[in-house]
C-alpha atoms as a PDB file:
ATOM      1  CA  UNK A   1     -17.871  59.143  26.346  1.00  0.00           C
ATOM      2  CA  UNK A   2     -16.949  57.018  29.316  1.00  0.00           C
ATOM      3  CA  UNK A   3     -15.071  58.448  32.262  1.00  0.00           C
ATOM      4  CA  UNK A   4     -12.230  56.581  33.926  1.00  0.00           C
ATOM      5  CA  UNK A   5     -13.586  57.779  37.243  1.00  0.00           C
ATOM      6  CA  UNK A   6     -15.814  60.596  38.399  1.00  0.00           C
ATOM      7  CA  UNK A   7     -14.761  63.938  36.946  1.00  0.00           C
ATOM      8  CA  UNK A   8     -11.908  62.604  34.766  1.00  0.00           C
ATOM      9  CA  UNK A   9     -11.652  62.741  30.994  1.00  0.00           C
ATOM     10  CA  UNK A  10     -12.190  59.582  28.973  1.00  0.00           C
ATOM     11  CA  UNK A  11      -8.989  60.247  27.076  1.00  0.00           C
ATOM     12  CA  UNK A  12      -5.717  61.943  27.925  1.00  0.00           C
ATOM     13  CA  UNK A  13      -5.663  65.193  29.900  1.00  0.00           C
ATOM     14  CA  UNK A  14      -6.699  68.045  27.619  1.00  0.00           C
ATOM     15  CA  UNK A  15      -4.962  71.443  28.004  1.00  0.00           C
ATOM     16  CA  UNK A  16      -7.530  73.553  29.866  1.00  0.00           C
ATOM     17  CA  UNK A  17     -11.000  72.513  30.942  1.00  0.00           C
ATOM     18  CA  UNK A  18     -13.597  71.229  28.493  1.00  0.00           C
ATOM     19  CA  UNK A  19     -15.357  74.158  26.830  1.00  0.00           C
ATOM     20  CA  UNK A  20     -19.017  74.635  27.676  1.00  0.00           C
ATOM     21  CA  UNK A  21     -21.163  74.205  24.593  1.00  0.00           C
ATOM     22  CA  UNK A  22     -23.083  77.301  23.483  1.00  0.00           C
ATOM     23  CA  UNK A  23     -26.400  77.645  21.703  1.00  0.00           C
ATOM     24  CA  UNK A  24     -24.421  79.161  18.883  1.00  0.00           C
ATOM     25  CA  UNK A  25     -21.791  76.500  18.146  1.00  0.00           C
ATOM     26  CA  UNK A  26     -18.386  78.002  18.888  1.00  0.00           C
ATOM     27  CA  UNK A  27     -14.896  76.911  17.836  1.00  0.00           C
ATOM     28  CA  UNK A  28     -12.058  75.895  20.134  1.00  0.00           C
ATOM     29  CA  UNK A  29      -8.734  75.254  18.438  1.00  0.00           C
ATOM     30  CA  UNK A  30      -5.858  74.119  20.613  1.00  0.00           C
ATOM     31  CA  UNK A  31      -3.438  72.081  18.532  1.00  0.00           C
ATOM     32  CA  UNK A  32      -4.618  68.565  19.248  1.00  0.00           C
ATOM     33  CA  UNK A  33      -4.736  65.296  17.361  1.00  0.00           C
ATOM     34  CA  UNK A  34      -7.914  64.252  15.597  1.00  0.00           C
ATOM     35  CA  UNK A  35      -7.750  61.045  17.536  1.00  0.00           C
ATOM     36  CA  UNK A  36      -7.324  62.873  20.824  1.00  0.00           C
ATOM     37  CA  UNK A  37     -10.367  64.834  19.768  1.00  0.00           C
ATOM     38  CA  UNK A  38     -12.242  61.573  19.198  1.00  0.00           C
ATOM     39  CA  UNK A  39     -11.529  60.808  22.847  1.00  0.00           C
ATOM     40  CA  UNK A  40     -12.637  64.235  24.076  1.00  0.00           C
ATOM     41  CA  UNK A  41     -15.332  63.863  26.724  1.00  0.00           C
ATOM     42  CA  UNK A  42     -17.738  66.588  27.700  1.00  0.00           C
ATOM     43  CA  UNK A  43     -19.633  64.346  30.088  1.00  0.00           C
ATOM     44  CA  UNK A  44     -19.019  63.583  33.738  1.00  0.00           C
ATOM     45  CA  UNK A  45     -20.028  60.455  35.598  1.00  0.00           C
ATOM     46  CA  UNK A  46     -22.395  60.476  38.540  1.00  0.00           C
ATOM     47  CA  UNK A  47     -24.190  57.937  40.706  1.00  0.00           C
ATOM     48  CA  UNK A  48     -27.540  56.619  39.521  1.00  0.00           C
ATOM     49  CA  UNK A  49     -29.763  53.916  41.040  1.00  0.00           C
ATOM     50  CA  UNK A  50     -30.452  50.502  39.495  1.00  0.00           C
ATOM     51  CA  UNK A  51     -29.118  51.295  36.042  1.00  0.00           C
ATOM     52  CA  UNK A  52     -28.089  48.730  33.466  1.00  0.00           C
ATOM     53  CA  UNK A  53     -25.937  49.004  30.357  1.00  0.00           C
ATOM     54  CA  UNK A  54     -26.491  47.248  27.038  1.00  0.00           C
ATOM     55  CA  UNK A  55     -24.257  49.082  24.555  1.00  0.00           C
ATOM     56  CA  UNK A  56     -21.224  47.490  22.962  1.00  0.00           C
ATOM     57  CA  UNK A  57     -22.732  44.135  21.934  1.00  0.00           C
ATOM     58  CA  UNK A  58     -21.871  43.550  18.258  1.00  0.00           C
ATOM     59  CA  UNK A  59     -24.753  41.053  17.876  1.00  0.00           C
ATOM     60  CA  UNK A  60     -27.248  43.875  18.370  1.00  0.00           C
ATOM     61  CA  UNK A  61     -26.014  45.742  15.285  1.00  0.00           C
ATOM     62  CA  UNK A  62     -25.427  44.876  11.666  1.00  0.00           C
ATOM     63  CA  UNK A  63     -24.547  46.698   8.467  1.00  0.00           C
ATOM     64  CA  UNK A  64     -26.012  45.971   5.051  1.00  0.00           C
ATOM     65  CA  UNK A  65     -24.725  48.162   2.252  1.00  0.00           C
ATOM     66  CA  UNK A  66     -24.924  51.739   3.514  1.00  0.00           C
ATOM     67  CA  UNK A  67     -27.359  50.986   6.348  1.00  0.00           C
ATOM     68  CA  UNK A  68     -26.401  50.360   9.972  1.00  0.00           C
ATOM     69  CA  UNK A  69     -29.211  48.798  12.003  1.00  0.00           C
ATOM     70  CA  UNK A  70     -29.254  48.701  15.802  1.00  0.00           C
ATOM     71  CA  UNK A  71     -31.942  46.644  17.534  1.00  0.00           C
ATOM     72  CA  UNK A  72     -31.500  48.292  20.943  1.00  0.00           C
ATOM     73  CA  UNK A  73     -29.763  51.082  22.858  1.00  0.00           C
ATOM     74  CA  UNK A  74     -31.111  52.684  20.749  1.00  0.00           C
ATOM     75  CA  UNK A  75     -33.344  50.863  18.277  1.00  0.00           C
ATOM     76  CA  UNK A  76     -32.451  52.871  15.193  1.00  0.00           C
ATOM     77  CA  UNK A  77     -31.449  52.637  11.548  1.00  0.00           C
ATOM     78  CA  UNK A  78     -28.687  54.872  10.206  1.00  0.00           C
ATOM     79  CA  UNK A  79     -28.651  55.278   6.424  1.00  0.00           C
ATOM     80  CA  UNK A  80     -25.514  56.820   4.897  1.00  0.00           C
ATOM     81  CA  UNK A  81     -24.978  58.556   1.569  1.00  0.00           C
ATOM     82  CA  UNK A  82     -23.745  56.208  -1.154  1.00  0.00           C
ATOM     83  CA  UNK A  83     -20.421  58.085  -1.348  1.00  0.00           C
ATOM     84  CA  UNK A  84     -19.462  56.708   2.072  1.00  0.00           C
ATOM     85  CA  UNK A  85     -17.928  53.254   2.200  1.00  0.00           C
ATOM     86  CA  UNK A  86     -18.334  51.035   5.222  1.00  0.00           C
ATOM     87  CA  UNK A  87     -14.922  49.827   6.376  1.00  0.00           C
ATOM     88  CA  UNK A  88     -15.844  47.781   9.439  1.00  0.00           C
ATOM     89  CA  UNK A  89     -16.346  47.786  13.189  1.00  0.00           C
ATOM     90  CA  UNK A  90     -14.804  46.620  16.418  1.00  0.00           C
ATOM     91  CA  UNK A  91     -15.774  46.446  20.087  1.00  0.00           C
ATOM     92  CA  UNK A  92     -13.844  46.804  23.338  1.00  0.00           C
ATOM     93  CA  UNK A  93     -14.172  47.679  27.006  1.00  0.00           C
ATOM     94  CA  UNK A  94     -13.197  51.315  27.517  1.00  0.00           C
ATOM     95  CA  UNK A  95     -11.182  52.083  30.669  1.00  0.00           C
ATOM     96  CA  UNK A  96     -12.694  49.013  32.362  1.00  0.00           C
ATOM     97  CA  UNK A  97     -15.949  50.929  32.906  1.00  0.00           C
ATOM     98  CA  UNK A  98     -17.892  50.890  29.619  1.00  0.00           C
ATOM     99  CA  UNK A  99     -18.594  48.795  26.535  1.00  0.00           C
ATOM    100  CA  UNK A 100     -17.824  50.586  23.277  1.00  0.00           C
ATOM    101  CA  UNK A 101     -18.651  49.564  19.723  1.00  0.00           C
ATOM    102  CA  UNK A 102     -17.275  51.607  16.812  1.00  0.00           C
ATOM    103  CA  UNK A 103     -18.371  51.658  13.149  1.00  0.00           C
ATOM    104  CA  UNK A 104     -16.735  53.652  10.344  1.00  0.00           C
ATOM    105  CA  UNK A 105     -17.991  55.010   7.006  1.00  0.00           C
ATOM    106  CA  UNK A 106     -15.421  56.886   4.925  1.00  0.00           C
ATOM    107  CA  UNK A 107     -15.285  58.950   1.746  1.00  0.00           C
ATOM    108  CA  UNK A 108     -11.716  58.340   0.556  1.00  0.00           C
ATOM    109  CA  UNK A 109      -9.682  58.194  -2.620  1.00  0.00           C
ATOM    110  CA  UNK A 110      -7.961  55.107  -4.014  1.00  0.00           C
ATOM    111  CA  UNK A 111      -4.879  55.789  -1.892  1.00  0.00           C
ATOM    112  CA  UNK A 112      -6.921  55.743   1.299  1.00  0.00           C
ATOM    113  CA  UNK A 113      -6.841  59.509   1.902  1.00  0.00           C
ATOM    114  CA  UNK A 114     -10.030  60.342   3.781  1.00  0.00           C
ATOM    115  CA  UNK A 115     -11.857  63.512   2.814  1.00  0.00           C
ATOM    116  CA  UNK A 116     -14.936  62.873   4.928  1.00  0.00           C
ATOM    117  CA  UNK A 117     -15.704  60.395   7.670  1.00  0.00           C
ATOM    118  CA  UNK A 118     -18.569  59.208   9.855  1.00  0.00           C
ATOM    119  CA  UNK A 119     -17.484  57.583  13.091  1.00  0.00           C
ATOM    120  CA  UNK A 120     -20.343  55.934  15.009  1.00  0.00           C
ATOM    121  CA  UNK A 121     -20.001  54.781  18.585  1.00  0.00           C
ATOM    122  CA  UNK A 122     -22.497  52.895  20.734  1.00  0.00           C
ATOM    123  CA  UNK A 123     -21.376  53.083  24.323  1.00  0.00           C
ATOM    124  CA  UNK A 124     -22.739  52.067  27.706  1.00  0.00           C
ATOM    125  CA  UNK A 125     -21.438  51.769  31.244  1.00  0.00           C
ATOM    126  CA  UNK A 126     -20.935  48.309  32.693  1.00  0.00           C
ATOM    127  CA  UNK A 127     -23.336  47.102  35.414  1.00  0.00           C
ATOM    128  CA  UNK A 128     -20.378  46.972  37.817  1.00  0.00           C
ATOM    129  CA  UNK A 129     -20.442  50.788  38.254  1.00  0.00           C
ATOM    130  CA  UNK A 130     -22.982  53.579  38.746  1.00  0.00           C
ATOM    131  CA  UNK A 131     -21.582  56.190  36.354  1.00  0.00           C
ATOM    132  CA  UNK A 132     -23.802  58.286  34.083  1.00  0.00           C
ATOM    133  CA  UNK A 133     -23.086  60.543  31.117  1.00  0.00           C
ATOM    134  CA  UNK A 134     -23.228  64.266  31.891  1.00  0.00           C
ATOM    135  CA  UNK A 135     -22.881  66.742  29.030  1.00  0.00           C
ATOM    136  CA  UNK A 136     -22.811  70.484  29.613  1.00  0.00           C
ATOM    137  CA  UNK A 137     -24.526  71.324  26.376  1.00  0.00           C
ATOM    138  CA  UNK A 138     -27.675  73.207  25.489  1.00  0.00           C
ATOM    139  CA  UNK A 139     -27.374  73.148  21.696  1.00  0.00           C
ATOM    140  CA  UNK A 140     -29.704  70.299  20.728  1.00  0.00           C
ATOM    141  CA  UNK A 141     -30.762  69.211  17.248  1.00  0.00           C
ATOM    142  CA  UNK A 142     -33.492  66.703  16.448  1.00  0.00           C
ATOM    143  CA  UNK A 143     -32.637  64.182  13.746  1.00  0.00           C
ATOM    144  CA  UNK A 144     -35.174  61.526  12.833  1.00  0.00           C
ATOM    145  CA  UNK A 145     -37.056  62.027  16.080  1.00  0.00           C
ATOM    146  CA  UNK A 146     -33.978  61.705  18.316  1.00  0.00           C
ATOM    147  CA  UNK A 147     -32.420  64.595  20.208  1.00  0.00           C
ATOM    148  CA  UNK A 148     -28.665  65.028  19.820  1.00  0.00           C
ATOM    149  CA  UNK A 149     -26.374  67.337  21.782  1.00  0.00           C
ATOM    150  CA  UNK A 150     -24.334  69.083  19.075  1.00  0.00           C
ATOM    151  CA  UNK A 151     -20.927  70.741  19.141  1.00  0.00           C
ATOM    152  CA  UNK A 152     -18.292  71.426  16.491  1.00  0.00           C
ATOM    153  CA  UNK A 153     -14.558  72.064  16.407  1.00  0.00           C
ATOM    154  CA  UNK A 154     -11.623  72.831  14.153  1.00  0.00           C
ATOM    155  CA  UNK A 155      -8.405  70.927  14.906  1.00  0.00           C
ATOM    156  CA  UNK A 156      -4.922  70.172  13.642  1.00  0.00           C
ATOM    157  CA  UNK A 157      -4.366  66.402  13.564  1.00  0.00           C
ATOM    158  CA  UNK A 158      -0.604  66.137  14.064  1.00  0.00           C
ATOM    159  CA  UNK A 159      -0.087  67.110  17.686  1.00  0.00           C
ATOM    160  CA  UNK A 160      -0.382  64.730  20.658  1.00  0.00           C
ATOM    161  CA  UNK A 161      -1.057  61.082  19.713  1.00  0.00           C
ATOM    162  CA  UNK A 162      -3.134  60.420  22.837  1.00  0.00           C
ATOM    163  CA  UNK A 163      -3.313  57.495  25.207  1.00  0.00           C
ATOM    164  CA  UNK A 164      -3.071  54.056  23.660  1.00  0.00           C
ATOM    165  CA  UNK A 165      -6.177  52.839  25.492  1.00  0.00           C
ATOM    166  CA  UNK A 166      -8.465  55.744  24.562  1.00  0.00           C
ATOM    167  CA  UNK A 167     -11.361  55.224  22.177  1.00  0.00           C
ATOM    168  CA  UNK A 168      -9.735  57.759  19.848  1.00  0.00           C
ATOM    169  CA  UNK A 169      -6.463  55.855  19.658  1.00  0.00           C
ATOM    170  CA  UNK A 170      -8.354  52.636  19.037  1.00  0.00           C
ATOM    171  CA  UNK A 171     -10.252  54.333  16.212  1.00  0.00           C
ATOM    172  CA  UNK A 172      -7.011  55.554  14.677  1.00  0.00           C
ATOM    173  CA  UNK A 173      -5.384  52.147  14.888  1.00  0.00           C
ATOM    174  CA  UNK A 174      -8.420  50.467  13.346  1.00  0.00           C
ATOM    175  CA  UNK A 175      -8.568  52.852  10.382  1.00  0.00           C
ATOM    176  CA  UNK A 176      -4.823  52.780   9.788  1.00  0.00           C
ATOM    177  CA  UNK A 177      -4.940  48.983   9.808  1.00  0.00           C
ATOM    178  CA  UNK A 178      -7.538  49.255   7.046  1.00  0.00           C
ATOM    179  CA  UNK A 179      -5.257  51.557   5.060  1.00  0.00           C
ATOM    180  CA  UNK A 180      -6.990  54.903   5.719  1.00  0.00           C
ATOM    181  CA  UNK A 181      -5.686  58.266   6.901  1.00  0.00           C
ATOM    182  CA  UNK A 182      -6.989  61.831   6.981  1.00  0.00           C
ATOM    183  CA  UNK A 183      -6.045  63.652   3.752  1.00  0.00           C
ATOM    184  CA  UNK A 184      -4.867  66.878   5.411  1.00  0.00           C
ATOM    185  CA  UNK A 185      -3.515  68.017   8.765  1.00  0.00           C
ATOM    186  CA  UNK A 186      -6.436  70.324   9.585  1.00  0.00           C
ATOM    187  CA  UNK A 187     -10.015  69.171  10.003  1.00  0.00           C
ATOM    188  CA  UNK A 188     -13.447  70.262  11.140  1.00  0.00           C
ATOM    189  CA  UNK A 189     -15.550  67.977  13.309  1.00  0.00           C
ATOM    190  CA  UNK A 190     -19.250  67.832  14.098  1.00  0.00           C
ATOM    191  CA  UNK A 191     -20.130  65.738  17.130  1.00  0.00           C
ATOM    192  CA  UNK A 192     -23.689  64.561  17.834  1.00  0.00           C
ATOM    193  CA  UNK A 193     -24.509  62.731  21.073  1.00  0.00           C
ATOM    194  CA  UNK A 194     -27.834  61.056  21.852  1.00  0.00           C
ATOM    195  CA  UNK A 195     -28.397  59.916  25.440  1.00  0.00           C
ATOM    196  CA  UNK A 196     -30.378  56.728  25.053  1.00  0.00           C
ATOM    197  CA  UNK A 197     -31.948  56.004  28.424  1.00  0.00           C
ATOM    198  CA  UNK A 198     -33.405  58.054  31.274  1.00  0.00           C
ATOM    199  CA  UNK A 199     -30.563  57.008  33.579  1.00  0.00           C
ATOM    200  CA  UNK A 200     -28.061  58.363  31.015  1.00  0.00           C
ATOM    201  CA  UNK A 201     -26.030  55.182  31.121  1.00  0.00           C
ATOM    202  CA  UNK A 202     -25.939  54.609  27.365  1.00  0.00           C
ATOM    203  CA  UNK A 203     -25.210  56.857  24.409  1.00  0.00           C
ATOM    204  CA  UNK A 204     -25.102  56.920  20.638  1.00  0.00           C
ATOM    205  CA  UNK A 205     -22.369  59.209  19.320  1.00  0.00           C
ATOM    206  CA  UNK A 206     -22.060  60.288  15.697  1.00  0.00           C
ATOM    207  CA  UNK A 207     -18.923  62.164  14.654  1.00  0.00           C
ATOM    208  CA  UNK A 208     -18.660  63.711  11.200  1.00  0.00           C
ATOM    209  CA  UNK A 209     -15.200  64.820  10.011  1.00  0.00           C
ATOM    210  CA  UNK A 210     -14.135  66.892   7.000  1.00  0.00           C
ATOM    211  CA  UNK A 211     -10.701  67.747   5.668  1.00  0.00           C
ATOM    212  CA  UNK A 212     -10.351  71.531   6.016  1.00  0.00           C
ATOM    213  CA  UNK A 213      -7.799  72.038   3.245  1.00  0.00           C
ATOM    214  CA  UNK A 214     -10.504  72.331   0.604  1.00  0.00           C
ATOM    215  CA  UNK A 215     -11.425  75.738   2.031  1.00  0.00           C
ATOM    216  CA  UNK A 216      -7.827  76.928   1.957  1.00  0.00           C
ATOM    217  CA  UNK A 217      -7.904  77.347   5.736  1.00  0.00           C
ATOM    218  CA  UNK A 218      -6.215  75.885   8.804  1.00  0.00           C
ATOM    219  CA  UNK A 219      -7.565  75.270  12.278  1.00  0.00           C
ATOM    220  CA  UNK A 220      -5.425  78.164  13.501  1.00  0.00           C
ATOM    221  CA  UNK A 221      -7.140  80.447  10.987  1.00  0.00           C
ATOM    222  CA  UNK A 222     -10.478  79.681  12.673  1.00  0.00           C
ATOM    223  CA  UNK A 223      -9.270  80.273  16.219  1.00  0.00           C
ATOM    224  CA  UNK A 224     -10.851  83.244  18.040  1.00  0.00           C
ATOM    225  CA  UNK A 225      -7.784  85.323  17.125  1.00  0.00           C
ATOM    226  CA  UNK A 226      -7.280  83.714  13.697  1.00  0.00           C
ATOM    227  CA  UNK A 227      -7.461  85.495  10.373  1.00  0.00           C
ATOM    228  CA  UNK A 228     -10.756  83.750   9.487  1.00  0.00           C
ATOM    229  CA  UNK A 229     -12.391  83.752  12.926  1.00  0.00           C
ATOM    230  CA  UNK A 230     -15.352  85.732  11.614  1.00  0.00           C
ATOM    231  CA  UNK A 231     -16.148  82.880   9.232  1.00  0.00           C
ATOM    232  CA  UNK A 232     -16.515  80.190  11.909  1.00  0.00           C
ATOM    233  CA  UNK A 233     -20.225  80.678  12.480  1.00  0.00           C
ATOM    234  CA  UNK A 234     -20.923  80.209   8.783  1.00  0.00           C
ATOM    235  CA  UNK A 235     -18.494  77.277   8.473  1.00  0.00           C
ATOM    236  CA  UNK A 236     -19.830  75.455  11.537  1.00  0.00           C
ATOM    237  CA  UNK A 237     -23.416  75.932  10.404  1.00  0.00           C
ATOM    238  CA  UNK A 238     -22.574  74.415   7.022  1.00  0.00           C
ATOM    239  CA  UNK A 239     -20.729  71.555   8.724  1.00  0.00           C
ATOM    240  CA  UNK A 240     -23.809  70.626  10.748  1.00  0.00           C
ATOM    241  CA  UNK A 241     -25.981  70.802   7.638  1.00  0.00           C
ATOM    242  CA  UNK A 242     -23.671  68.476   5.700  1.00  0.00           C
ATOM    243  CA  UNK A 243     -23.407  66.071   8.629  1.00  0.00           C
ATOM    244  CA  UNK A 244     -27.189  65.730   8.584  1.00  0.00           C
ATOM    245  CA  UNK A 245     -27.438  65.646   4.795  1.00  0.00           C
ATOM    246  CA  UNK A 246     -25.193  62.597   4.454  1.00  0.00           C
ATOM    247  CA  UNK A 247     -27.066  60.643   7.127  1.00  0.00           C
ATOM    248  CA  UNK A 248     -30.664  59.613   7.647  1.00  0.00           C
ATOM    249  CA  UNK A 249     -31.769  58.542  11.129  1.00  0.00           C
ATOM    250  CA  UNK A 250     -34.856  56.318  11.373  1.00  0.00           C
ATOM    251  CA  UNK A 251     -36.230  55.171  14.710  1.00  0.00           C
ATOM    252  CA  UNK A 252     -37.054  51.460  14.798  1.00  0.00           C
ATOM    253  CA  UNK A 253     -40.074  51.176  17.081  1.00  0.00           C
ATOM    254  CA  UNK A 254     -41.040  53.146  20.162  1.00  0.00           C
ATOM    255  CA  UNK A 255     -38.665  51.557  22.662  1.00  0.00           C
ATOM    256  CA  UNK A 256     -34.990  52.130  23.445  1.00  0.00           C
END
């Protein structure tokens, strides 16, 4: 996600430094809002020469049924399981440095309680700066021919509402305006980030969320010192599998 300036988080300050991603996906569970988590940035900006940014233009993307098609940055088609309902999109400039375009597919009941959620974000730095996305991750999965940096978390969604201008807060406000909310207070999240261009100025981010209450567990239970810590490897592996199962990624051509 975009940085406000070099070395700063794209959302509010997070207690402690961002955790380095491991080959074996590990859990970190400070009590933090889901929407703060949406704004969590593992990347850092850096100077790059002659880079341009094309993300965040709604005219480059459209949704028909359960299929989201992007014509550039990247050229890709995302096909979602029929149980996920498309609830809309919006675009904005994030921290005055990047274009961001968000799309949401939810699996919710009639009262708007969300059990599962896909949050898609196309993002790219503006041509007025020289920032680049830097992720400290070495766990990479290939989905539909695209490489995604993958990390997963367990979180409690009540603490810390986050900054009003973060992408996470904007996501929350958008969904709440549509009448949706997470069913429980504890969730698991799988984040997948694809860096689109060689200059690392544009990214496609896919976040998959599940309500944790169905397992009879809390985020605290899955903390390193929690009563179910030993189960995290199994749970996170299943989370990644389900995130991929509900989504098909199809590259549209050989270009970006």
